[in-house]
Amino acid sequence: MKTLNQLLASLAVVVSMSTVASVENVGTYNLILKNDLNTSSDIEGRIMIGGNIDMAGKSLDVASRIAADPVVDAVTVVGNITANDVKTQNGNIVYGGSAGSTNLILNGSGAVVQQSQSVLQNQFDAIYQSVIDDSNYYKSLTANGTFNTSDMNNLKFESTSSDDLLVFNINGSDLLNGSFSFGFTPTVPIIINVAGTGALSINAKAFGNFTKQVASLVLWNFYDYTSIGFNGDGWNGSVLAPNADITSGTGSLDGGFAALSYTGTVELHNQLFTYVPPGNTSGEEVPAPPVFFLLFGGLIATLALKRRK
């Protein structure tokens, strides 16, 4: 039985690694937080909060840039809502804990719904696990581009690849200062894996053709950092930072963000990363590696032997 359990565990790992769900996390939500949200600015898209909205004395305006039809959950909070008011321009406000004296305001279609915390927790856990899985998957990809750091005032992402996904592997220390741009015209999705641990204070700024207009093509993967401060003039591109608390104070954040928590004073713009591997649709598995079939065959053989006994 121990061998069988080990085989099943290995099989589960392989299957989980064969799925890319970015379109369902930072391709759907403007902000996904495992813990708490504390901001004083608007969020244009949908939010999914695993902890609390902890904004005493402040107001939150959400979902001005999502469609009115169909009606979706614009605000989902597993825990409590503490604020002067939370307002949606479109969509529902759904929470599992207490809203206390917070004014919950619907400016468009939608409803206010208090739902079982366990149901919301399960929903959140599935989404956040997809964030972790995607982060692990993307960091394993082989780079087909380089980051030219010879001139700190003109940092360049460079690639001559014709692939349908560009991958860059860089160090967080490369983003401490300076300005960065693309040495090509972005036309396909781009993954930027950022290596490093601990705290990262980003003062580097996008310039040139690294504009808000290409933000929906870019995903930054800060896979090991535990704290990230976006201190430059805003940020272009979605962010996976499943182990990090993030802060910001200037410009705007243009992309879908997934992290432990967020504290900031800037707007989040609904420029989402909706990459789906070619030949696949949302929620489908990408082709599994050959070891999957070996493990599956071993599982079948093990079960057959046990039945004989």
C-alpha atoms as a PDB file:
ATOM      1  CA  MET A   1       0.000   0.000   0.000  1.00  0.00           C
ATOM      2  CA  LYS A   2       2.890   2.371   0.742  1.00  0.00           C
ATOM      3  CA  THR A   3       4.275   1.848  -2.762  1.00  0.00           C
ATOM      4  CA  LEU A   4       0.851   2.465  -4.263  1.00  0.00           C
ATOM      5  CA  ASN A   5       0.422   5.683  -2.295  1.00  0.00           C
ATOM      6  CA  GLN A   6       3.858   6.881  -3.390  1.00  0.00           C
ATOM      7  CA  LEU A   7       2.973   6.139  -6.996  1.00  0.00           C
ATOM      8  CA  LEU A   8      -0.308   8.015  -6.716  1.00  0.00           C
ATOM      9  CA  ALA A   9       1.470  10.999  -5.172  1.00  0.00           C
ATOM     10  CA  SER A  10       4.028  11.066  -7.975  1.00  0.00           C
ATOM     11  CA  LEU A  11       1.279  10.805 -10.545  1.00  0.00           C
ATOM     12  CA  ALA A  12      -0.559  13.739  -8.977  1.00  0.00           C
ATOM     13  CA  VAL A  13       2.579  15.881  -9.131  1.00  0.00           C
ATOM     14  CA  VAL A  14       3.109  15.141 -12.811  1.00  0.00           C
ATOM     15  CA  VAL A  15      -0.518  15.852 -13.669  1.00  0.00           C
ATOM     16  CA  SER A  16      -0.457  19.152 -11.771  1.00  0.00           C
ATOM     17  CA  MET A  17       2.707  20.187 -13.606  1.00  0.00           C
ATOM     18  CA  SER A  18       1.050  19.542 -16.954  1.00  0.00           C
ATOM     19  CA  THR A  19      -1.589  22.246 -16.509  1.00  0.00           C
ATOM     20  CA  VAL A  20      -1.275  25.957 -17.264  1.00  0.00           C
ATOM     21  CA  ALA A  21      -4.126  28.044 -15.876  1.00  0.00           C
ATOM     22  CA  SER A  22      -2.921  31.649 -16.184  1.00  0.00           C
ATOM     23  CA  VAL A  23      -6.070  32.580 -18.061  1.00  0.00           C
ATOM     24  CA  GLU A  24      -8.038  31.520 -14.972  1.00  0.00           C
ATOM     25  CA  ASN A  25      -5.960  33.423 -12.404  1.00  0.00           C
ATOM     26  CA  VAL A  26      -4.182  36.591 -13.607  1.00  0.00           C
ATOM     27  CA  GLY A  27      -6.100  36.287 -16.864  1.00  0.00           C
ATOM     28  CA  THR A  28      -9.383  36.664 -14.974  1.00  0.00           C
ATOM     29  CA  TYR A  29      -8.604  38.648 -11.820  1.00  0.00           C
ATOM     30  CA  ASN A  30      -6.916  42.019 -11.499  1.00  0.00           C
ATOM     31  CA  LEU A  31      -5.848  41.085  -7.971  1.00  0.00           C
ATOM     32  CA  ILE A  32      -5.540  37.750  -6.147  1.00  0.00           C
ATOM     33  CA  LEU A  33      -4.310  37.817  -2.547  1.00  0.00           C
ATOM     34  CA  LYS A  34      -3.899  34.944  -0.130  1.00  0.00           C
ATOM     35  CA  ASN A  35      -4.056  37.310   2.827  1.00  0.00           C
ATOM     36  CA  ASP A  36      -5.223  40.932   3.217  1.00  0.00           C
ATOM     37  CA  LEU A  37      -5.839  43.948   0.988  1.00  0.00           C
ATOM     38  CA  ASN A  38      -5.135  47.517   2.104  1.00  0.00           C
ATOM     39  CA  THR A  39      -5.273  50.189  -0.591  1.00  0.00           C
ATOM     40  CA  SER A  40      -6.525  53.716  -1.119  1.00  0.00           C
ATOM     41  CA  SER A  41      -6.947  53.531  -4.899  1.00  0.00           C
ATOM     42  CA  ASP A  42      -9.272  51.994  -7.462  1.00  0.00           C
ATOM     43  CA  ILE A  43      -8.976  48.501  -8.906  1.00  0.00           C
ATOM     44  CA  GLU A  44     -10.403  48.325 -12.428  1.00  0.00           C
ATOM     45  CA  GLY A  45     -10.971  44.567 -12.599  1.00  0.00           C
ATOM     46  CA  ARG A  46     -12.142  41.702 -10.426  1.00  0.00           C
ATOM     47  CA  ILE A  47     -10.540  40.840  -7.076  1.00  0.00           C
ATOM     48  CA  MET A  48     -10.249  37.572  -5.148  1.00  0.00           C
ATOM     49  CA  ILE A  49      -9.125  37.994  -1.523  1.00  0.00           C
ATOM     50  CA  GLY A  50      -8.349  34.973   0.646  1.00  0.00           C
ATOM     51  CA  GLY A  51      -8.041  37.078   3.804  1.00  0.00           C
ATOM     52  CA  ASN A  52      -9.751  40.369   4.625  1.00  0.00           C
ATOM     53  CA  ILE A  53     -10.323  43.759   3.074  1.00  0.00           C
ATOM     54  CA  ASP A  54      -8.623  45.688   5.874  1.00  0.00           C
ATOM     55  CA  MET A  55      -9.234  49.338   4.975  1.00  0.00           C
ATOM     56  CA  ALA A  56     -10.742  51.106   7.979  1.00  0.00           C
ATOM     57  CA  GLY A  57     -11.589  54.701   7.084  1.00  0.00           C
ATOM     58  CA  LYS A  58     -10.982  54.141   3.359  1.00  0.00           C
ATOM     59  CA  SER A  59     -13.104  53.493   0.274  1.00  0.00           C
ATOM     60  CA  LEU A  60     -12.627  50.885  -2.443  1.00  0.00           C
ATOM     61  CA  ASP A  61     -13.914  51.214  -6.004  1.00  0.00           C
ATOM     62  CA  VAL A  62     -13.782  48.023  -8.088  1.00  0.00           C
ATOM     63  CA  ALA A  63     -14.651  46.675 -11.535  1.00  0.00           C
ATOM     64  CA  SER A  64     -15.036  49.798 -13.649  1.00  0.00           C
ATOM     65  CA  ARG A  65     -13.417  47.956 -16.576  1.00  0.00           C
ATOM     66  CA  ILE A  66     -15.336  44.694 -16.637  1.00  0.00           C
ATOM     67  CA  ALA A  67     -18.397  43.966 -18.737  1.00  0.00           C
ATOM     68  CA  ALA A  68     -21.856  44.480 -17.266  1.00  0.00           C
ATOM     69  CA  ASP A  69     -23.078  41.305 -18.940  1.00  0.00           C
ATOM     70  CA  PRO A  70     -22.706  38.552 -17.931  1.00  0.00           C
ATOM     71  CA  VAL A  71     -22.797  39.423 -14.250  1.00  0.00           C
ATOM     72  CA  VAL A  72     -19.764  38.006 -12.423  1.00  0.00           C
ATOM     73  CA  ASP A  73     -18.391  38.177  -8.889  1.00  0.00           C
ATOM     74  CA  ALA A  74     -16.410  41.418  -9.000  1.00  0.00           C
ATOM     75  CA  VAL A  75     -15.395  41.265  -5.336  1.00  0.00           C
ATOM     76  CA  THR A  76     -14.837  37.933  -3.591  1.00  0.00           C
ATOM     77  CA  VAL A  77     -13.587  38.022   0.013  1.00  0.00           C
ATOM     78  CA  VAL A  78     -13.226  34.870   2.088  1.00  0.00           C
ATOM     79  CA  GLY A  79     -12.856  36.860   5.309  1.00  0.00           C
ATOM     80  CA  ASN A  80     -14.172  40.182   6.590  1.00  0.00           C
ATOM     81  CA  ILE A  81     -14.722  43.551   4.942  1.00  0.00           C
ATOM     82  CA  THR A  82     -13.693  46.618   6.955  1.00  0.00           C
ATOM     83  CA  ALA A  83     -13.902  49.945   5.109  1.00  0.00           C
ATOM     84  CA  ASN A  84     -16.015  53.057   4.792  1.00  0.00           C
ATOM     85  CA  ASP A  85     -17.472  51.583   1.640  1.00  0.00           C
ATOM     86  CA  VAL A  86     -16.802  49.047  -1.093  1.00  0.00           C
ATOM     87  CA  LYS A  87     -18.314  49.942  -4.444  1.00  0.00           C
ATOM     88  CA  THR A  88     -18.589  47.892  -7.625  1.00  0.00           C
ATOM     89  CA  GLN A  89     -19.325  49.493 -10.978  1.00  0.00           C
ATOM     90  CA  ASN A  90     -20.331  46.082 -12.334  1.00  0.00           C
ATOM     91  CA  GLY A  91     -20.789  42.661 -10.770  1.00  0.00           C
ATOM     92  CA  ASN A  92     -21.471  41.084  -7.388  1.00  0.00           C
ATOM     93  CA  ILE A  93     -19.920  41.590  -3.974  1.00  0.00           C
ATOM     94  CA  VAL A  94     -19.458  38.202  -2.296  1.00  0.00           C
ATOM     95  CA  TYR A  95     -18.000  37.732   1.189  1.00  0.00           C
ATOM     96  CA  GLY A  96     -17.773  34.963   3.763  1.00  0.00           C
ATOM     97  CA  GLY A  97     -17.098  36.725   7.059  1.00  0.00           C
ATOM     98  CA  SER A  98     -18.558  39.983   8.340  1.00  0.00           C
ATOM     99  CA  ALA A  99     -19.055  43.316   6.592  1.00  0.00           C
ATOM    100  CA  GLY A 100     -19.788  45.161   9.829  1.00  0.00           C
ATOM    101  CA  SER A 101     -20.788  48.765   9.154  1.00  0.00           C
ATOM    102  CA  THR A 102     -19.153  48.880   5.705  1.00  0.00           C
ATOM    103  CA  ASN A 103     -21.432  50.294   3.016  1.00  0.00           C
ATOM    104  CA  LEU A 104     -21.583  47.803   0.145  1.00  0.00           C
ATOM    105  CA  ILE A 105     -22.623  49.730  -2.954  1.00  0.00           C
ATOM    106  CA  LEU A 106     -23.693  48.366  -6.338  1.00  0.00           C
ATOM    107  CA  ASN A 107     -23.545  50.939  -9.120  1.00  0.00           C
ATOM    108  CA  GLY A 108     -24.338  48.465 -11.864  1.00  0.00           C
ATOM    109  CA  SER A 109     -25.943  45.080 -12.209  1.00  0.00           C
ATOM    110  CA  GLY A 110     -25.157  42.640  -9.440  1.00  0.00           C
ATOM    111  CA  ALA A 111     -25.986  41.656  -5.885  1.00  0.00           C
ATOM    112  CA  VAL A 112     -24.474  41.509  -2.418  1.00  0.00           C
ATOM    113  CA  VAL A 113     -24.112  37.900  -1.284  1.00  0.00           C
ATOM    114  CA  GLN A 114     -22.864  36.471   2.004  1.00  0.00           C
ATOM    115  CA  GLN A 115     -21.720  32.935   1.327  1.00  0.00           C
ATOM    116  CA  SER A 116     -20.311  30.043   3.316  1.00  0.00           C
ATOM    117  CA  GLN A 117     -16.680  30.691   4.193  1.00  0.00           C
ATOM    118  CA  SER A 118     -15.785  27.064   3.571  1.00  0.00           C
ATOM    119  CA  VAL A 119     -17.207  27.254   0.049  1.00  0.00           C
ATOM    120  CA  LEU A 120     -15.317  30.459  -0.671  1.00  0.00           C
ATOM    121  CA  GLN A 121     -12.144  29.060   0.898  1.00  0.00           C
ATOM    122  CA  ASN A 122     -12.273  26.028  -1.380  1.00  0.00           C
ATOM    123  CA  GLN A 123     -12.812  28.281  -4.379  1.00  0.00           C
ATOM    124  CA  PHE A 124      -9.900  30.482  -3.375  1.00  0.00           C
ATOM    125  CA  ASP A 125      -7.569  27.568  -2.611  1.00  0.00           C
ATOM    126  CA  ALA A 126      -8.076  26.135  -6.099  1.00  0.00           C
ATOM    127  CA  ILE A 127      -7.270  29.466  -7.734  1.00  0.00           C
ATOM    128  CA  TYR A 128      -4.228  30.139  -5.561  1.00  0.00           C
ATOM    129  CA  GLN A 129      -2.895  26.643  -6.163  1.00  0.00           C
ATOM    130  CA  SER A 130      -3.072  27.399  -9.886  1.00  0.00           C
ATOM    131  CA  VAL A 131      -0.977  30.520  -9.212  1.00  0.00           C
ATOM    132  CA  ILE A 132       1.660  28.404  -7.453  1.00  0.00           C
ATOM    133  CA  ASP A 133       1.579  25.731 -10.159  1.00  0.00           C
ATOM    134  CA  ASP A 134       1.908  28.287 -12.958  1.00  0.00           C
ATOM    135  CA  SER A 135       4.794  30.008 -11.191  1.00  0.00           C
ATOM    136  CA  ASN A 136       6.623  26.691 -10.831  1.00  0.00           C
ATOM    137  CA  TYR A 137       5.897  25.758 -14.435  1.00  0.00           C
ATOM    138  CA  TYR A 138       7.077  29.044 -15.916  1.00  0.00           C
ATOM    139  CA  LYS A 139      10.325  29.095 -13.936  1.00  0.00           C
ATOM    140  CA  SER A 140      11.203  25.676 -15.413  1.00  0.00           C
ATOM    141  CA  LEU A 141      11.024  26.940 -19.007  1.00  0.00           C
ATOM    142  CA  THR A 142      14.183  27.385 -21.069  1.00  0.00           C
ATOM    143  CA  ALA A 143      14.958  30.966 -21.987  1.00  0.00           C
ATOM    144  CA  ASN A 144      14.881  31.975 -25.646  1.00  0.00           C
ATOM    145  CA  GLY A 145      15.836  35.579 -24.973  1.00  0.00           C
ATOM    146  CA  THR A 146      18.476  37.500 -23.032  1.00  0.00           C
ATOM    147  CA  PHE A 147      18.549  40.569 -20.793  1.00  0.00           C
ATOM    148  CA  ASN A 148      21.318  42.970 -21.774  1.00  0.00           C
ATOM    149  CA  THR A 149      22.496  44.797 -18.639  1.00  0.00           C
ATOM    150  CA  SER A 150      25.617  46.442 -20.084  1.00  0.00           C
ATOM    151  CA  ASP A 151      24.009  49.893 -19.788  1.00  0.00           C
ATOM    152  CA  MET A 152      21.917  50.393 -16.648  1.00  0.00           C
ATOM    153  CA  ASN A 153      20.143  53.334 -18.267  1.00  0.00           C
ATOM    154  CA  ASN A 154      19.209  51.223 -21.273  1.00  0.00           C
ATOM    155  CA  LEU A 155      18.519  47.676 -20.083  1.00  0.00           C
ATOM    156  CA  LYS A 156      17.269  45.592 -23.004  1.00  0.00           C
ATOM    157  CA  PHE A 157      15.183  42.459 -23.348  1.00  0.00           C
ATOM    158  CA  GLU A 158      16.505  40.952 -26.576  1.00  0.00           C
ATOM    159  CA  SER A 159      15.385  37.963 -28.634  1.00  0.00           C
ATOM    160  CA  THR A 160      15.441  36.776 -32.236  1.00  0.00           C
ATOM    161  CA  SER A 161      13.210  33.778 -31.510  1.00  0.00           C
ATOM    162  CA  SER A 162      10.165  33.090 -33.670  1.00  0.00           C
ATOM    163  CA  ASP A 163       8.534  30.971 -30.940  1.00  0.00           C
ATOM    164  CA  ASP A 164       4.967  31.708 -29.863  1.00  0.00           C
ATOM    165  CA  LEU A 165       6.159  32.315 -26.273  1.00  0.00           C
ATOM    166  CA  LEU A 166       9.248  34.288 -25.283  1.00  0.00           C
ATOM    167  CA  VAL A 167      10.995  33.447 -22.004  1.00  0.00           C
ATOM    168  CA  PHE A 168      13.584  35.536 -20.177  1.00  0.00           C
ATOM    169  CA  ASN A 169      15.424  34.507 -17.001  1.00  0.00           C
ATOM    170  CA  ILE A 170      16.828  37.474 -15.083  1.00  0.00           C
ATOM    171  CA  ASN A 171      18.034  38.364 -11.587  1.00  0.00           C
ATOM    172  CA  GLY A 172      16.086  40.605  -9.257  1.00  0.00           C
ATOM    173  CA  SER A 173      19.238  42.667  -8.678  1.00  0.00           C
ATOM    174  CA  ASP A 174      18.971  43.776 -12.319  1.00  0.00           C
ATOM    175  CA  LEU A 175      15.798  45.689 -11.411  1.00  0.00           C
ATOM    176  CA  LEU A 176      17.149  47.741  -8.511  1.00  0.00           C
ATOM    177  CA  ASN A 177      17.752  50.784 -10.715  1.00  0.00           C
ATOM    178  CA  GLY A 178      17.851  51.915 -14.324  1.00  0.00           C
ATOM    179  CA  SER A 179      15.412  51.752 -17.224  1.00  0.00           C
ATOM    180  CA  PHE A 180      14.379  48.801 -19.354  1.00  0.00           C
ATOM    181  CA  SER A 181      12.763  48.279 -22.741  1.00  0.00           C
ATOM    182  CA  PHE A 182      12.421  45.708 -25.513  1.00  0.00           C
ATOM    183  CA  GLY A 183      14.959  45.393 -28.306  1.00  0.00           C
ATOM    184  CA  PHE A 184      12.137  44.164 -30.538  1.00  0.00           C
ATOM    185  CA  THR A 185       8.434  44.805 -31.073  1.00  0.00           C
ATOM    186  CA  PRO A 186       6.428  42.527 -28.719  1.00  0.00           C
ATOM    187  CA  THR A 187       3.780  40.522 -30.575  1.00  0.00           C
ATOM    188  CA  VAL A 188       3.600  37.261 -28.568  1.00  0.00           C
ATOM    189  CA  PRO A 189       3.234  36.471 -24.834  1.00  0.00           C
ATOM    190  CA  ILE A 190       6.361  37.028 -22.756  1.00  0.00           C
ATOM    191  CA  ILE A 191       7.412  35.345 -19.501  1.00  0.00           C
ATOM    192  CA  ILE A 192      10.041  37.097 -17.386  1.00  0.00           C
ATOM    193  CA  ASN A 193      11.301  34.842 -14.582  1.00  0.00           C
ATOM    194  CA  VAL A 194      12.961  36.860 -11.820  1.00  0.00           C
ATOM    195  CA  ALA A 195      15.391  34.930  -9.608  1.00  0.00           C
ATOM    196  CA  GLY A 196      16.134  35.924  -6.042  1.00  0.00           C
ATOM    197  CA  THR A 197      15.002  35.537  -2.443  1.00  0.00           C
ATOM    198  CA  GLY A 198      14.032  37.737   0.477  1.00  0.00           C
ATOM    199  CA  ALA A 199      13.062  41.358  -0.124  1.00  0.00           C
ATOM    200  CA  LEU A 200      13.304  43.179  -3.454  1.00  0.00           C
ATOM    201  CA  SER A 201      12.955  46.947  -3.844  1.00  0.00           C
ATOM    202  CA  ILE A 202      12.375  47.742  -7.529  1.00  0.00           C
ATOM    203  CA  ASN A 203      13.353  51.220  -8.666  1.00  0.00           C
ATOM    204  CA  ALA A 204      13.901  50.388 -12.333  1.00  0.00           C
ATOM    205  CA  LYS A 205      11.399  51.862 -14.779  1.00  0.00           C
ATOM    206  CA  ALA A 206       9.960  50.764 -18.094  1.00  0.00           C
ATOM    207  CA  PHE A 207      10.600  53.103 -20.999  1.00  0.00           C
ATOM    208  CA  GLY A 208      10.600  53.170 -24.791  1.00  0.00           C
ATOM    209  CA  ASN A 209       8.417  50.411 -26.228  1.00  0.00           C
ATOM    210  CA  PHE A 210       7.801  48.710 -22.850  1.00  0.00           C
ATOM    211  CA  THR A 211       4.513  50.574 -22.528  1.00  0.00           C
ATOM    212  CA  LYS A 212       1.136  50.031 -20.934  1.00  0.00           C
ATOM    213  CA  GLN A 213      -0.083  48.990 -24.384  1.00  0.00           C
ATOM    214  CA  VAL A 214       1.991  45.777 -24.231  1.00  0.00           C
ATOM    215  CA  ALA A 215       1.260  45.050 -20.553  1.00  0.00           C
ATOM    216  CA  SER A 216      -1.272  42.331 -21.403  1.00  0.00           C
ATOM    217  CA  LEU A 217       1.467  40.374 -23.230  1.00  0.00           C
ATOM    218  CA  VAL A 218       3.849  40.278 -20.256  1.00  0.00           C
ATOM    219  CA  LEU A 219       3.974  38.141 -17.119  1.00  0.00           C
ATOM    220  CA  TRP A 220       6.645  38.653 -14.458  1.00  0.00           C
ATOM    221  CA  ASN A 221       7.286  35.579 -12.310  1.00  0.00           C
ATOM    222  CA  PHE A 222       8.862  36.459  -8.936  1.00  0.00           C
ATOM    223  CA  TYR A 223       8.803  32.849  -7.833  1.00  0.00           C
ATOM    224  CA  ASP A 224      10.909  32.959  -4.630  1.00  0.00           C
ATOM    225  CA  TYR A 225      10.738  36.507  -3.286  1.00  0.00           C
ATOM    226  CA  THR A 226       8.948  37.114   0.013  1.00  0.00           C
ATOM    227  CA  SER A 227       8.629  40.913  -0.242  1.00  0.00           C
ATOM    228  CA  ILE A 228       8.470  43.152  -3.323  1.00  0.00           C
ATOM    229  CA  GLY A 229       8.239  46.933  -3.455  1.00  0.00           C
ATOM    230  CA  PHE A 230       7.295  48.474  -6.805  1.00  0.00           C
ATOM    231  CA  ASN A 231       8.912  51.874  -6.316  1.00  0.00           C
ATOM    232  CA  GLY A 232       9.491  52.995  -9.896  1.00  0.00           C
ATOM    233  CA  ASP A 233       6.946  54.864 -11.974  1.00  0.00           C
ATOM    234  CA  GLY A 234       4.325  52.105 -11.937  1.00  0.00           C
ATOM    235  CA  TRP A 235       4.616  48.629 -13.448  1.00  0.00           C
ATOM    236  CA  ASN A 236       3.659  47.134 -16.793  1.00  0.00           C
ATOM    237  CA  GLY A 237       2.719  43.455 -16.963  1.00  0.00           C
ATOM    238  CA  SER A 238       1.040  40.874 -14.767  1.00  0.00           C
ATOM    239  CA  VAL A 239       2.816  39.465 -11.712  1.00  0.00           C
ATOM    240  CA  LEU A 240       2.963  36.058 -10.071  1.00  0.00           C
ATOM    241  CA  ALA A 241       4.508  36.385  -6.606  1.00  0.00           C
ATOM    242  CA  PRO A 242       2.905  33.535  -4.642  1.00  0.00           C
ATOM    243  CA  ASN A 243       5.267  33.878  -1.648  1.00  0.00           C
ATOM    244  CA  ALA A 244       5.489  37.667  -1.446  1.00  0.00           C
ATOM    245  CA  ASP A 245       3.837  40.616   0.239  1.00  0.00           C
ATOM    246  CA  ILE A 246       3.813  43.468  -2.265  1.00  0.00           C
ATOM    247  CA  THR A 247       3.694  47.243  -1.912  1.00  0.00           C
ATOM    248  CA  SER A 248       3.549  50.166  -4.322  1.00  0.00           C
ATOM    249  CA  GLY A 249       3.369  53.922  -4.122  1.00  0.00           C
ATOM    250  CA  THR A 250       3.834  55.558  -7.535  1.00  0.00           C
ATOM    251  CA  GLY A 251       2.289  55.363 -10.991  1.00  0.00           C
ATOM    252  CA  SER A 252      -0.112  52.507 -11.669  1.00  0.00           C
ATOM    253  CA  LEU A 253       0.066  48.718 -11.753  1.00  0.00           C
ATOM    254  CA  ASP A 254      -1.016  47.514 -15.191  1.00  0.00           C
ATOM    255  CA  GLY A 255      -1.730  43.791 -15.057  1.00  0.00           C
ATOM    256  CA  GLY A 256      -3.153  40.975 -12.998  1.00  0.00           C
ATOM    257  CA  PHE A 257      -1.354  40.569  -9.664  1.00  0.00           C
ATOM    258  CA  ALA A 258      -1.213  37.437  -7.493  1.00  0.00           C
ATOM    259  CA  ALA A 259       0.589  37.612  -4.150  1.00  0.00           C
ATOM    260  CA  LEU A 260       0.274  37.016  -0.416  1.00  0.00           C
ATOM    261  CA  SER A 261      -0.891  40.563   0.367  1.00  0.00           C
ATOM    262  CA  TYR A 262      -0.979  44.054  -1.106  1.00  0.00           C
ATOM    263  CA  THR A 263      -0.597  47.459   0.518  1.00  0.00           C
ATOM    264  CA  GLY A 264      -0.483  50.451  -1.787  1.00  0.00           C
ATOM    265  CA  THR A 265      -1.749  53.787  -2.990  1.00  0.00           C
ATOM    266  CA  VAL A 266      -1.866  53.316  -6.776  1.00  0.00           C
ATOM    267  CA  GLU A 267      -4.540  52.144  -9.193  1.00  0.00           C
ATOM    268  CA  LEU A 268      -4.554  48.623 -10.590  1.00  0.00           C
ATOM    269  CA  HIS A 269      -5.458  48.622 -14.273  1.00  0.00           C
ATOM    270  CA  ASN A 270      -7.234  45.658 -15.812  1.00  0.00           C
ATOM    271  CA  GLN A 271      -4.520  44.638 -18.330  1.00  0.00           C
ATOM    272  CA  LEU A 272      -4.702  40.871 -17.859  1.00  0.00           C
ATOM    273  CA  PHE A 273      -2.399  38.070 -19.059  1.00  0.00           C
ATOM    274  CA  THR A 274      -4.532  35.533 -20.903  1.00  0.00           C
ATOM    275  CA  TYR A 275      -1.910  33.156 -22.317  1.00  0.00           C
ATOM    276  CA  VAL A 276      -3.140  29.707 -23.301  1.00  0.00           C
ATOM    277  CA  PRO A 277      -0.670  27.168 -24.763  1.00  0.00           C
ATOM    278  CA  PRO A 278      -1.271  26.611 -28.498  1.00  0.00           C
ATOM    279  CA  GLY A 279      -3.792  23.891 -29.242  1.00  0.00           C
ATOM    280  CA  ASN A 280      -5.305  24.071 -25.756  1.00  0.00           C
ATOM    281  CA  THR A 281      -8.266  25.878 -24.294  1.00  0.00           C
ATOM    282  CA  SER A 282      -8.778  27.278 -20.819  1.00  0.00           C
ATOM    283  CA  GLY A 283      -8.692  24.611 -18.140  1.00  0.00           C
ATOM    284  CA  GLU A 284      -7.308  21.870 -20.393  1.00  0.00           C
ATOM    285  CA  GLU A 285      -4.050  20.130 -19.657  1.00  0.00           C
ATOM    286  CA  VAL A 286      -1.009  20.798 -21.781  1.00  0.00           C
ATOM    287  CA  PRO A 287       0.675  17.617 -23.098  1.00  0.00           C
ATOM    288  CA  ALA A 288       1.998  15.573 -20.196  1.00  0.00           C
ATOM    289  CA  PRO A 289       5.649  14.463 -20.203  1.00  0.00           C
ATOM    290  CA  PRO A 290       6.475  10.827 -21.102  1.00  0.00           C
ATOM    291  CA  VAL A 291       7.037   9.966 -17.427  1.00  0.00           C
ATOM    292  CA  PHE A 292       3.302  10.472 -16.942  1.00  0.00           C
ATOM    293  CA  PHE A 293       2.568   7.457 -19.108  1.00  0.00           C
ATOM    294  CA  LEU A 294       5.227   5.371 -17.356  1.00  0.00           C
ATOM    295  CA  LEU A 295       3.749   6.202 -13.969  1.00  0.00           C
ATOM    296  CA  PHE A 296       0.239   5.553 -15.213  1.00  0.00           C
ATOM    297  CA  GLY A 297       1.315   2.173 -16.578  1.00  0.00           C
ATOM    298  CA  GLY A 298       2.983   1.345 -13.278  1.00  0.00           C
ATOM    299  CA  LEU A 299      -0.184   2.258 -11.403  1.00  0.00           C
ATOM    300  CA  ILE A 300      -2.295  -0.044 -13.573  1.00  0.00           C
ATOM    301  CA  ALA A 301       0.190  -2.894 -13.137  1.00  0.00           C
ATOM    302  CA  THR A 302       0.264  -2.430  -9.367  1.00  0.00           C
ATOM    303  CA  LEU A 303      -3.519  -2.460  -9.129  1.00  0.00           C
ATOM    304  CA  ALA A 304      -3.666  -5.600 -11.288  1.00  0.00           C
ATOM    305  CA  LEU A 305      -1.228  -7.442  -9.019  1.00  0.00           C
ATOM    306  CA  LYS A 306      -3.182  -6.448  -5.923  1.00  0.00           C
ATOM    307  CA  ARG A 307      -6.396  -7.747  -7.466  1.00  0.00           C
ATOM    308  CA  ARG A 308      -4.752 -11.136  -8.104  1.00  0.00           C
ATOM    309  CA  LYS A 309      -3.866 -11.374  -4.450  1.00  0.00           C
END
